[in-house]
Amino acid sequence: MITKYMTRVFVKFSPFGKEAKTARLIMASVPPKQRILGTKMVQELITDPNQDPMVKVTFKDKKEMEYNLRETNFEELSNLFDTHSRKLKIVETIQNQ
């Protein structure tokens, strides 16, 4: 997963639910160096079973992507985030020329 263009990652999940694996994989995919350089990581644990687990990512262009963790798996989320990151990479390449 391309994390260079992420500025904030918010993950809300139940540690005992089926979605916990996806949430942990998302949090683990952001390398420690990226966290030091400015990507803010926020985790919130759900205690109420009626709340939906979710992931919300904010990119450098201020675009926010929010998904329900019960409806998507890690591979789908990774592909969705990578698609937008590739667009930002192309824009960055064009601006640097």
PDB file of N, CA and C in Angstrom:
ATOM      1  N   MET A   1       0.842  -1.165   0.000  1.00  0.00           N
ATOM      2  CA  MET A   1       0.000   0.000   0.000  1.00  0.00           C
ATOM      3  C   MET A   1       0.895   1.238   0.000  1.00  0.00           C
ATOM      4  N   ILE A   2       0.582   2.192  -0.860  1.00  0.00           N
ATOM      5  CA  ILE A   2       1.352   3.432  -0.972  1.00  0.00           C
ATOM      6  C   ILE A   2       0.861   4.389   0.118  1.00  0.00           C
ATOM      7  N   THR A   3       1.722   4.686   1.073  1.00  0.00           N
ATOM      8  CA  THR A   3       1.324   5.524   2.205  1.00  0.00           C
ATOM      9  C   THR A   3       1.967   6.905   2.172  1.00  0.00           C
ATOM     10  N   LYS A   4       2.766   7.183   1.186  1.00  0.00           N
ATOM     11  CA  LYS A   4       3.517   8.438   1.128  1.00  0.00           C
ATOM     12  C   LYS A   4       2.601   9.666   1.103  1.00  0.00           C
ATOM     13  N   TYR A   5       1.443   9.551   0.505  1.00  0.00           N
ATOM     14  CA  TYR A   5       0.559  10.702   0.313  1.00  0.00           C
ATOM     15  C   TYR A   5      -0.555  10.777   1.356  1.00  0.00           C
ATOM     16  N   MET A   6      -0.519   9.927   2.366  1.00  0.00           N
ATOM     17  CA  MET A   6      -1.523   9.952   3.429  1.00  0.00           C
ATOM     18  C   MET A   6      -1.078  10.913   4.526  1.00  0.00           C
ATOM     19  N   THR A   7      -2.018  11.720   5.027  1.00  0.00           N
ATOM     20  CA  THR A   7      -1.703  12.625   6.130  1.00  0.00           C
ATOM     21  C   THR A   7      -2.363  12.184   7.430  1.00  0.00           C
ATOM     22  N   ARG A   8      -3.468  11.447   7.333  1.00  0.00           N
ATOM     23  CA  ARG A   8      -4.167  11.008   8.544  1.00  0.00           C
ATOM     24  C   ARG A   8      -4.867   9.686   8.258  1.00  0.00           C
ATOM     25  N   VAL A   9      -4.725   8.749   9.181  1.00  0.00           N
ATOM     26  CA  VAL A   9      -5.400   7.457   9.091  1.00  0.00           C
ATOM     27  C   VAL A   9      -6.175   7.260  10.384  1.00  0.00           C
ATOM     28  N   PHE A  10      -7.486   7.179  10.272  1.00  0.00           N
ATOM     29  CA  PHE A  10      -8.361   6.978  11.423  1.00  0.00           C
ATOM     30  C   PHE A  10      -9.012   5.603  11.283  1.00  0.00           C
ATOM     31  N   VAL A  11      -8.838   4.757  12.301  1.00  0.00           N
ATOM     32  CA  VAL A  11      -9.392   3.405  12.271  1.00  0.00           C
ATOM     33  C   VAL A  11     -10.228   3.207  13.526  1.00  0.00           C
ATOM     34  N   LYS A  12     -11.486   2.820  13.326  1.00  0.00           N
ATOM     35  CA  LYS A  12     -12.394   2.529  14.440  1.00  0.00           C
ATOM     36  C   LYS A  12     -12.850   1.081  14.282  1.00  0.00           C
ATOM     37  N   PHE A  13     -12.560   0.253  15.300  1.00  0.00           N
ATOM     38  CA  PHE A  13     -12.875  -1.160  15.172  1.00  0.00           C
ATOM     39  C   PHE A  13     -13.026  -1.810  16.536  1.00  0.00           C
ATOM     40  N   SER A  14     -13.645  -2.972  16.528  1.00  0.00           N
ATOM     41  CA  SER A  14     -13.752  -3.792  17.731  1.00  0.00           C
ATOM     42  C   SER A  14     -12.604  -4.797  17.710  1.00  0.00           C
ATOM     43  N   PRO A  15     -11.813  -4.887  18.768  1.00  0.00           N
ATOM     44  CA  PRO A  15     -10.665  -5.792  18.743  1.00  0.00           C
ATOM     45  C   PRO A  15     -11.059  -7.267  18.689  1.00  0.00           C
ATOM     46  N   PHE A  16     -12.316  -7.564  18.980  1.00  0.00           N
ATOM     47  CA  PHE A  16     -12.770  -8.956  18.981  1.00  0.00           C
ATOM     48  C   PHE A  16     -13.643  -9.295  17.789  1.00  0.00           C
ATOM     49  N   GLY A  17     -13.883  -8.337  16.898  1.00  0.00           N
ATOM     50  CA  GLY A  17     -14.716  -8.574  15.726  1.00  0.00           C
ATOM     51  C   GLY A  17     -13.923  -9.149  14.567  1.00  0.00           C
ATOM     52  N   LYS A  18     -14.659  -9.564  13.527  1.00  0.00           N
ATOM     53  CA  LYS A  18     -14.008 -10.121  12.337  1.00  0.00           C
ATOM     54  C   LYS A  18     -13.197  -9.068  11.591  1.00  0.00           C
ATOM     55  N   GLU A  19     -13.588  -7.807  11.743  1.00  0.00           N
ATOM     56  CA  GLU A  19     -12.920  -6.727  11.031  1.00  0.00           C
ATOM     57  C   GLU A  19     -11.593  -6.326  11.671  1.00  0.00           C
ATOM     58  N   ALA A  20     -11.267  -6.886  12.822  1.00  0.00           N
ATOM     59  CA  ALA A  20     -10.038  -6.507  13.539  1.00  0.00           C
ATOM     60  C   ALA A  20      -8.786  -6.820  12.713  1.00  0.00           C
ATOM     61  N   LYS A  21      -8.810  -7.908  11.976  1.00  0.00           N
ATOM     62  CA  LYS A  21      -7.638  -8.267  11.171  1.00  0.00           C
ATOM     63  C   LYS A  21      -7.381  -7.213  10.097  1.00  0.00           C
ATOM     64  N   THR A  22      -8.443  -6.786   9.429  1.00  0.00           N
ATOM     65  CA  THR A  22      -8.295  -5.763   8.399  1.00  0.00           C
ATOM     66  C   THR A  22      -7.783  -4.460   9.003  1.00  0.00           C
ATOM     67  N   ALA A  23      -8.332  -4.078  10.148  1.00  0.00           N
ATOM     68  CA  ALA A  23      -7.909  -2.842  10.808  1.00  0.00           C
ATOM     69  C   ALA A  23      -6.438  -2.898  11.204  1.00  0.00           C
ATOM     70  N   ARG A  24      -6.021  -4.014  11.733  1.00  0.00           N
ATOM     71  CA  ARG A  24      -4.620  -4.145  12.151  1.00  0.00           C
ATOM     72  C   ARG A  24      -3.670  -4.147  10.951  1.00  0.00           C
ATOM     73  N   LEU A  25      -4.094  -4.759   9.863  1.00  0.00           N
ATOM     74  CA  LEU A  25      -3.261  -4.749   8.656  1.00  0.00           C
ATOM     75  C   LEU A  25      -3.104  -3.338   8.097  1.00  0.00           C
ATOM     76  N   ILE A  26      -4.166  -2.562   8.156  1.00  0.00           N
ATOM     77  CA  ILE A  26      -4.091  -1.178   7.676  1.00  0.00           C
ATOM     78  C   ILE A  26      -3.130  -0.382   8.544  1.00  0.00           C
ATOM     79  N   MET A  27      -3.245  -0.522   9.845  1.00  0.00           N
ATOM     80  CA  MET A  27      -2.360   0.211  10.756  1.00  0.00           C
ATOM     81  C   MET A  27      -0.907  -0.246  10.600  1.00  0.00           C
ATOM     82  N   ALA A  28      -0.694  -1.525  10.369  1.00  0.00           N
ATOM     83  CA  ALA A  28       0.664  -2.048  10.224  1.00  0.00           C
ATOM     84  C   ALA A  28       1.287  -1.672   8.885  1.00  0.00           C
ATOM     85  N   SER A  29       0.465  -1.338   7.895  1.00  0.00           N
ATOM     86  CA  SER A  29       1.014  -1.023   6.576  1.00  0.00           C
ATOM     87  C   SER A  29       1.635   0.368   6.508  1.00  0.00           C
ATOM     88  N   VAL A  30       1.348   1.209   7.493  1.00  0.00           N
ATOM     89  CA  VAL A  30       1.988   2.526   7.547  1.00  0.00           C
ATOM     90  C   VAL A  30       3.313   2.360   8.289  1.00  0.00           C
ATOM     91  N   PRO A  31       4.429   2.537   7.595  1.00  0.00           N
ATOM     92  CA  PRO A  31       5.728   2.297   8.232  1.00  0.00           C
ATOM     93  C   PRO A  31       6.034   3.326   9.325  1.00  0.00           C
ATOM     94  N   PRO A  32       6.854   2.935  10.295  1.00  0.00           N
ATOM     95  CA  PRO A  32       7.201   3.856  11.389  1.00  0.00           C
ATOM     96  C   PRO A  32       7.828   5.165  10.907  1.00  0.00           C
ATOM     97  N   LYS A  33       8.640   5.099   9.875  1.00  0.00           N
ATOM     98  CA  LYS A  33       9.265   6.319   9.352  1.00  0.00           C
ATOM     99  C   LYS A  33       8.204   7.285   8.830  1.00  0.00           C
ATOM    100  N   GLN A  34       7.171   6.752   8.208  1.00  0.00           N
ATOM    101  CA  GLN A  34       6.092   7.600   7.688  1.00  0.00           C
ATOM    102  C   GLN A  34       5.321   8.251   8.828  1.00  0.00           C
ATOM    103  N   ARG A  35       5.152   7.538   9.929  1.00  0.00           N
ATOM    104  CA  ARG A  35       4.472   8.100  11.099  1.00  0.00           C
ATOM    105  C   ARG A  35       5.276   9.249  11.684  1.00  0.00           C
ATOM    106  N   ILE A  36       6.598   9.118  11.683  1.00  0.00           N
ATOM    107  CA  ILE A  36       7.472  10.180  12.199  1.00  0.00           C
ATOM    108  C   ILE A  36       7.423  11.398  11.279  1.00  0.00           C
ATOM    109  N   LEU A  37       7.334  11.159   9.980  1.00  0.00           N
ATOM    110  CA  LEU A  37       7.346  12.252   9.012  1.00  0.00           C
ATOM    111  C   LEU A  37       6.025  13.012   8.937  1.00  0.00           C
ATOM    112  N   GLY A  38       4.987  12.557   9.628  1.00  0.00           N
ATOM    113  CA  GLY A  38       3.781  13.375   9.664  1.00  0.00           C
ATOM    114  C   GLY A  38       2.457  12.685   9.444  1.00  0.00           C
ATOM    115  N   THR A  39       2.417  11.415   9.148  1.00  0.00           N
ATOM    116  CA  THR A  39       1.135  10.745   9.010  1.00  0.00           C
ATOM    117  C   THR A  39       0.577  10.479  10.401  1.00  0.00           C
ATOM    118  N   LYS A  40      -0.559  11.067  10.676  1.00  0.00           N
ATOM    119  CA  LYS A  40      -1.167  10.937  11.996  1.00  0.00           C
ATOM    120  C   LYS A  40      -2.019   9.667  12.029  1.00  0.00           C
ATOM    121  N   MET A  41      -1.766   8.833  13.013  1.00  0.00           N
ATOM    122  CA  MET A  41      -2.507   7.582  13.188  1.00  0.00           C
ATOM    123  C   MET A  41      -3.442   7.729  14.390  1.00  0.00           C
ATOM    124  N   VAL A  42      -4.723   7.457  14.182  1.00  0.00           N
ATOM    125  CA  VAL A  42      -5.709   7.529  15.256  1.00  0.00           C
ATOM    126  C   VAL A  42      -6.475   6.214  15.273  1.00  0.00           C
ATOM    127  N   GLN A  43      -6.480   5.564  16.438  1.00  0.00           N
ATOM    128  CA  GLN A  43      -7.240   4.328  16.602  1.00  0.00           C
ATOM    129  C   GLN A  43      -8.306   4.547  17.660  1.00  0.00           C
ATOM    130  N   GLU A  44      -9.482   4.028  17.387  1.00  0.00           N
ATOM    131  CA  GLU A  44     -10.575   4.099  18.350  1.00  0.00           C
ATOM    132  C   GLU A  44     -11.182   2.711  18.478  1.00  0.00           C
ATOM    133  N   LEU A  45     -11.314   2.241  19.696  1.00  0.00           N
ATOM    134  CA  LEU A  45     -11.903   0.932  19.932  1.00  0.00           C
ATOM    135  C   LEU A  45     -13.406   1.074  20.134  1.00  0.00           C
ATOM    136  N   ILE A  46     -14.152   0.157  19.551  1.00  0.00           N
ATOM    137  CA  ILE A  46     -15.607   0.152  19.660  1.00  0.00           C
ATOM    138  C   ILE A  46     -16.005  -0.778  20.799  1.00  0.00           C
ATOM    139  N   THR A  47     -16.811  -0.278  21.699  1.00  0.00           N
ATOM    140  CA  THR A  47     -17.354  -1.129  22.762  1.00  0.00           C
ATOM    141  C   THR A  47     -18.826  -1.426  22.535  1.00  0.00           C
ATOM    142  N   ASP A  48     -19.485  -0.607  21.722  1.00  0.00           N
ATOM    143  CA  ASP A  48     -20.892  -0.811  21.399  1.00  0.00           C
ATOM    144  C   ASP A  48     -21.003  -1.630  20.113  1.00  0.00           C
ATOM    145  N   PRO A  49     -21.634  -2.803  20.158  1.00  0.00           N
ATOM    146  CA  PRO A  49     -21.716  -3.635  18.946  1.00  0.00           C
ATOM    147  C   PRO A  49     -22.577  -3.037  17.835  1.00  0.00           C
ATOM    148  N   ASN A  50     -23.341  -1.984  18.129  1.00  0.00           N
ATOM    149  CA  ASN A  50     -24.179  -1.357  17.106  1.00  0.00           C
ATOM    150  C   ASN A  50     -23.408  -0.371  16.238  1.00  0.00           C
ATOM    151  N   GLN A  51     -22.233   0.038  16.681  1.00  0.00           N
ATOM    152  CA  GLN A  51     -21.420   0.956  15.880  1.00  0.00           C
ATOM    153  C   GLN A  51     -20.727   0.207  14.756  1.00  0.00           C
ATOM    154  N   ASP A  52     -20.595   0.880  13.638  1.00  0.00           N
ATOM    155  CA  ASP A  52     -19.925   0.263  12.495  1.00  0.00           C
ATOM    156  C   ASP A  52     -18.425   0.525  12.556  1.00  0.00           C
ATOM    157  N   PRO A  53     -17.615  -0.501  12.316  1.00  0.00           N
ATOM    158  CA  PRO A  53     -16.165  -0.289  12.218  1.00  0.00           C
ATOM    159  C   PRO A  53     -15.854   0.420  10.904  1.00  0.00           C
ATOM    160  N   MET A  54     -14.892   1.319  10.932  1.00  0.00           N
ATOM    161  CA  MET A  54     -14.591   2.082   9.727  1.00  0.00           C
ATOM    162  C   MET A  54     -13.135   2.501   9.681  1.00  0.00           C
ATOM    163  N   VAL A  55     -12.720   2.822   8.469  1.00  0.00           N
ATOM    164  CA  VAL A  55     -11.403   3.403   8.254  1.00  0.00           C
ATOM    165  C   VAL A  55     -11.615   4.673   7.430  1.00  0.00           C
ATOM    166  N   LYS A  56     -10.910   5.724   7.837  1.00  0.00           N
ATOM    167  CA  LYS A  56     -11.018   7.009   7.148  1.00  0.00           C
ATOM    168  C   LYS A  56      -9.602   7.529   6.916  1.00  0.00           C
ATOM    169  N   VAL A  57      -9.256   7.729   5.654  1.00  0.00           N
ATOM    170  CA  VAL A  57      -7.908   8.169   5.285  1.00  0.00           C
ATOM    171  C   VAL A  57      -8.008   9.537   4.625  1.00  0.00           C
ATOM    172  N   THR A  58      -7.166  10.464   5.082  1.00  0.00           N
ATOM    173  CA  THR A  58      -7.067  11.787   4.478  1.00  0.00           C
ATOM    174  C   THR A  58      -5.732  11.870   3.745  1.00  0.00           C
ATOM    175  N   PHE A  59      -5.791  12.338   2.493  1.00  0.00           N
ATOM    176  CA  PHE A  59      -4.598  12.442   1.667  1.00  0.00           C
ATOM    177  C   PHE A  59      -4.084  13.878   1.651  1.00  0.00           C
ATOM    178  N   LYS A  60      -2.913  14.088   1.062  1.00  0.00           N
ATOM    179  CA  LYS A  60      -2.282  15.407   1.031  1.00  0.00           C
ATOM    180  C   LYS A  60      -3.109  16.434   0.261  1.00  0.00           C
ATOM    181  N   ASP A  61      -3.948  15.988  -0.661  1.00  0.00           N
ATOM    182  CA  ASP A  61      -4.802  16.917  -1.407  1.00  0.00           C
ATOM    183  C   ASP A  61      -6.132  17.161  -0.699  1.00  0.00           C
ATOM    184  N   LYS A  62      -6.231  16.766   0.563  1.00  0.00           N
ATOM    185  CA  LYS A  62      -7.387  16.953   1.441  1.00  0.00           C
ATOM    186  C   LYS A  62      -8.578  16.049   1.089  1.00  0.00           C
ATOM    187  N   LYS A  63      -8.379  15.109   0.203  1.00  0.00           N
ATOM    188  CA  LYS A  63      -9.450  14.157  -0.112  1.00  0.00           C
ATOM    189  C   LYS A  63      -9.547  13.134   1.020  1.00  0.00           C
ATOM    190  N   GLU A  64     -10.774  12.859   1.441  1.00  0.00           N
ATOM    191  CA  GLU A  64     -11.011  11.878   2.495  1.00  0.00           C
ATOM    192  C   GLU A  64     -11.738  10.686   1.903  1.00  0.00           C
ATOM    193  N   MET A  65     -11.273   9.508   2.257  1.00  0.00           N
ATOM    194  CA  MET A  65     -11.918   8.268   1.827  1.00  0.00           C
ATOM    195  C   MET A  65     -12.316   7.508   3.083  1.00  0.00           C
ATOM    196  N   GLU A  66     -13.589   7.134   3.160  1.00  0.00           N
ATOM    197  CA  GLU A  66     -14.117   6.461   4.343  1.00  0.00           C
ATOM    198  C   GLU A  66     -14.818   5.180   3.904  1.00  0.00           C
ATOM    199  N   TYR A  67     -14.480   4.074   4.583  1.00  0.00           N
ATOM    200  CA  TYR A  67     -15.054   2.780   4.231  1.00  0.00           C
ATOM    201  C   TYR A  67     -15.419   1.998   5.482  1.00  0.00           C
ATOM    202  N   ASN A  68     -16.457   1.197   5.342  1.00  0.00           N
ATOM    203  CA  ASN A  68     -16.899   0.319   6.421  1.00  0.00           C
ATOM    204  C   ASN A  68     -16.048  -0.949   6.367  1.00  0.00           C
ATOM    205  N   LEU A  69     -15.476  -1.322   7.491  1.00  0.00           N
ATOM    206  CA  LEU A  69     -14.594  -2.498   7.527  1.00  0.00           C
ATOM    207  C   LEU A  69     -15.354  -3.817   7.437  1.00  0.00           C
ATOM    208  N   ARG A  70     -16.644  -3.807   7.705  1.00  0.00           N
ATOM    209  CA  ARG A  70     -17.427  -5.040   7.565  1.00  0.00           C
ATOM    210  C   ARG A  70     -17.712  -5.370   6.108  1.00  0.00           C
ATOM    211  N   GLU A  71     -17.677  -4.355   5.255  1.00  0.00           N
ATOM    212  CA  GLU A  71     -18.048  -4.546   3.850  1.00  0.00           C
ATOM    213  C   GLU A  71     -16.847  -4.731   2.927  1.00  0.00           C
ATOM    214  N   THR A  72     -15.653  -4.379   3.386  1.00  0.00           N
ATOM    215  CA  THR A  72     -14.471  -4.465   2.528  1.00  0.00           C
ATOM    216  C   THR A  72     -13.345  -5.197   3.251  1.00  0.00           C
ATOM    217  N   ASN A  73     -12.478  -5.799   2.465  1.00  0.00           N
ATOM    218  CA  ASN A  73     -11.319  -6.470   3.062  1.00  0.00           C
ATOM    219  C   ASN A  73     -10.061  -5.641   2.783  1.00  0.00           C
ATOM    220  N   PHE A  74      -8.939  -6.099   3.294  1.00  0.00           N
ATOM    221  CA  PHE A  74      -7.696  -5.337   3.193  1.00  0.00           C
ATOM    222  C   PHE A  74      -7.257  -5.140   1.743  1.00  0.00           C
ATOM    223  N   GLU A  75      -7.379  -6.157   0.919  1.00  0.00           N
ATOM    224  CA  GLU A  75      -6.938  -6.058  -0.476  1.00  0.00           C
ATOM    225  C   GLU A  75      -7.737  -4.992  -1.224  1.00  0.00           C
ATOM    226  N   GLU A  76      -9.051  -4.963  -1.000  1.00  0.00           N
ATOM    227  CA  GLU A  76      -9.883  -3.964  -1.665  1.00  0.00           C
ATOM    228  C   GLU A  76      -9.519  -2.554  -1.198  1.00  0.00           C
ATOM    229  N   LEU A  77      -9.349  -2.393   0.105  1.00  0.00           N
ATOM    230  CA  LEU A  77      -8.979  -1.079   0.635  1.00  0.00           C
ATOM    231  C   LEU A  77      -7.619  -0.636   0.114  1.00  0.00           C
ATOM    232  N   SER A  78      -6.675  -1.555   0.094  1.00  0.00           N
ATOM    233  CA  SER A  78      -5.345  -1.242  -0.398  1.00  0.00           C
ATOM    234  C   SER A  78      -5.397  -0.781  -1.858  1.00  0.00           C
ATOM    235  N   ASN A  79      -6.166  -1.466  -2.674  1.00  0.00           N
ATOM    236  CA  ASN A  79      -6.306  -1.077  -4.085  1.00  0.00           C
ATOM    237  C   ASN A  79      -6.954   0.294  -4.231  1.00  0.00           C
ATOM    238  N   LEU A  80      -7.978   0.570  -3.420  1.00  0.00           N
ATOM    239  CA  LEU A  80      -8.654   1.865  -3.487  1.00  0.00           C
ATOM    240  C   LEU A  80      -7.714   3.002  -3.078  1.00  0.00           C
ATOM    241  N   PHE A  81      -6.965   2.801  -2.001  1.00  0.00           N
ATOM    242  CA  PHE A  81      -6.037   3.827  -1.542  1.00  0.00           C
ATOM    243  C   PHE A  81      -4.880   3.997  -2.522  1.00  0.00           C
ATOM    244  N   ASP A  82      -4.398   2.902  -3.083  1.00  0.00           N
ATOM    245  CA  ASP A  82      -3.298   2.969  -4.040  1.00  0.00           C
ATOM    246  C   ASP A  82      -3.705   3.700  -5.318  1.00  0.00           C
ATOM    247  N   THR A  83      -4.948   3.533  -5.740  1.00  0.00           N
ATOM    248  CA  THR A  83      -5.419   4.218  -6.940  1.00  0.00           C
ATOM    249  C   THR A  83      -5.316   5.728  -6.767  1.00  0.00           C
ATOM    250  N   HIS A  84      -5.772   6.221  -5.635  1.00  0.00           N
ATOM    251  CA  HIS A  84      -5.690   7.666  -5.405  1.00  0.00           C
ATOM    252  C   HIS A  84      -4.236   8.108  -5.199  1.00  0.00           C
ATOM    253  N   SER A  85      -3.449   7.307  -4.529  1.00  0.00           N
ATOM    254  CA  SER A  85      -2.039   7.651  -4.321  1.00  0.00           C
ATOM    255  C   SER A  85      -1.289   7.734  -5.646  1.00  0.00           C
ATOM    256  N   ARG A  86      -1.620   6.861  -6.583  1.00  0.00           N
ATOM    257  CA  ARG A  86      -0.971   6.915  -7.901  1.00  0.00           C
ATOM    258  C   ARG A  86      -1.335   8.198  -8.640  1.00  0.00           C
ATOM    259  N   LYS A  87      -2.582   8.638  -8.502  1.00  0.00           N
ATOM    260  CA  LYS A  87      -2.996   9.910  -9.116  1.00  0.00           C
ATOM    261  C   LYS A  87      -2.188  11.057  -8.529  1.00  0.00           C
ATOM    262  N   LEU A  88      -2.005  11.043  -7.210  1.00  0.00           N
ATOM    263  CA  LEU A  88      -1.219  12.100  -6.572  1.00  0.00           C
ATOM    264  C   LEU A  88       0.246  12.030  -6.993  1.00  0.00           C
ATOM    265  N   LYS A  89       0.746  10.833  -7.212  1.00  0.00           N
ATOM    266  CA  LYS A  89       2.129  10.678  -7.648  1.00  0.00           C
ATOM    267  C   LYS A  89       2.322  11.262  -9.042  1.00  0.00           C
ATOM    268  N   ILE A  90       1.351  11.047  -9.920  1.00  0.00           N
ATOM    269  CA  ILE A  90       1.424  11.601 -11.280  1.00  0.00           C
ATOM    270  C   ILE A  90       1.400  13.123 -11.225  1.00  0.00           C
ATOM    271  N   VAL A  91       0.515  13.679 -10.400  1.00  0.00           N
ATOM    272  CA  VAL A  91       0.443  15.137 -10.262  1.00  0.00           C
ATOM    273  C   VAL A  91       1.762  15.686  -9.715  1.00  0.00           C
ATOM    274  N   GLU A  92       2.335  15.005  -8.738  1.00  0.00           N
ATOM    275  CA  GLU A  92       3.606  15.443  -8.167  1.00  0.00           C
ATOM    276  C   GLU A  92       4.728  15.390  -9.201  1.00  0.00           C
ATOM    277  N   THR A  93       4.743  14.354 -10.026  1.00  0.00           N
ATOM    278  CA  THR A  93       5.761  14.209 -11.069  1.00  0.00           C
ATOM    279  C   THR A  93       5.637  15.340 -12.088  1.00  0.00           C
ATOM    280  N   ILE A  94       4.414  15.659 -12.459  1.00  0.00           N
ATOM    281  CA  ILE A  94       4.185  16.737 -13.438  1.00  0.00           C
ATOM    282  C   ILE A  94       4.624  18.080 -12.864  1.00  0.00           C
ATOM    283  N   GLN A  95       4.320  18.331 -11.599  1.00  0.00           N
ATOM    284  CA  GLN A  95       4.679  19.609 -10.983  1.00  0.00           C
ATOM    285  C   GLN A  95       6.178  19.771 -10.797  1.00  0.00           C
ATOM    286  N   ASN A  96       6.898  18.673 -10.619  1.00  0.00           N
ATOM    287  CA  ASN A  96       8.348  18.737 -10.397  1.00  0.00           C
ATOM    288  C   ASN A  96       9.134  18.910 -11.691  1.00  0.00           C
ATOM    289  N   GLN A  97       8.494  18.779 -12.825  1.00  0.00           N
ATOM    290  CA  GLN A  97       9.235  18.909 -14.092  1.00  0.00           C
ATOM    291  C   GLN A  97       9.358  20.336 -14.517  1.00  0.00           C
TER     292      GLN A  97
END
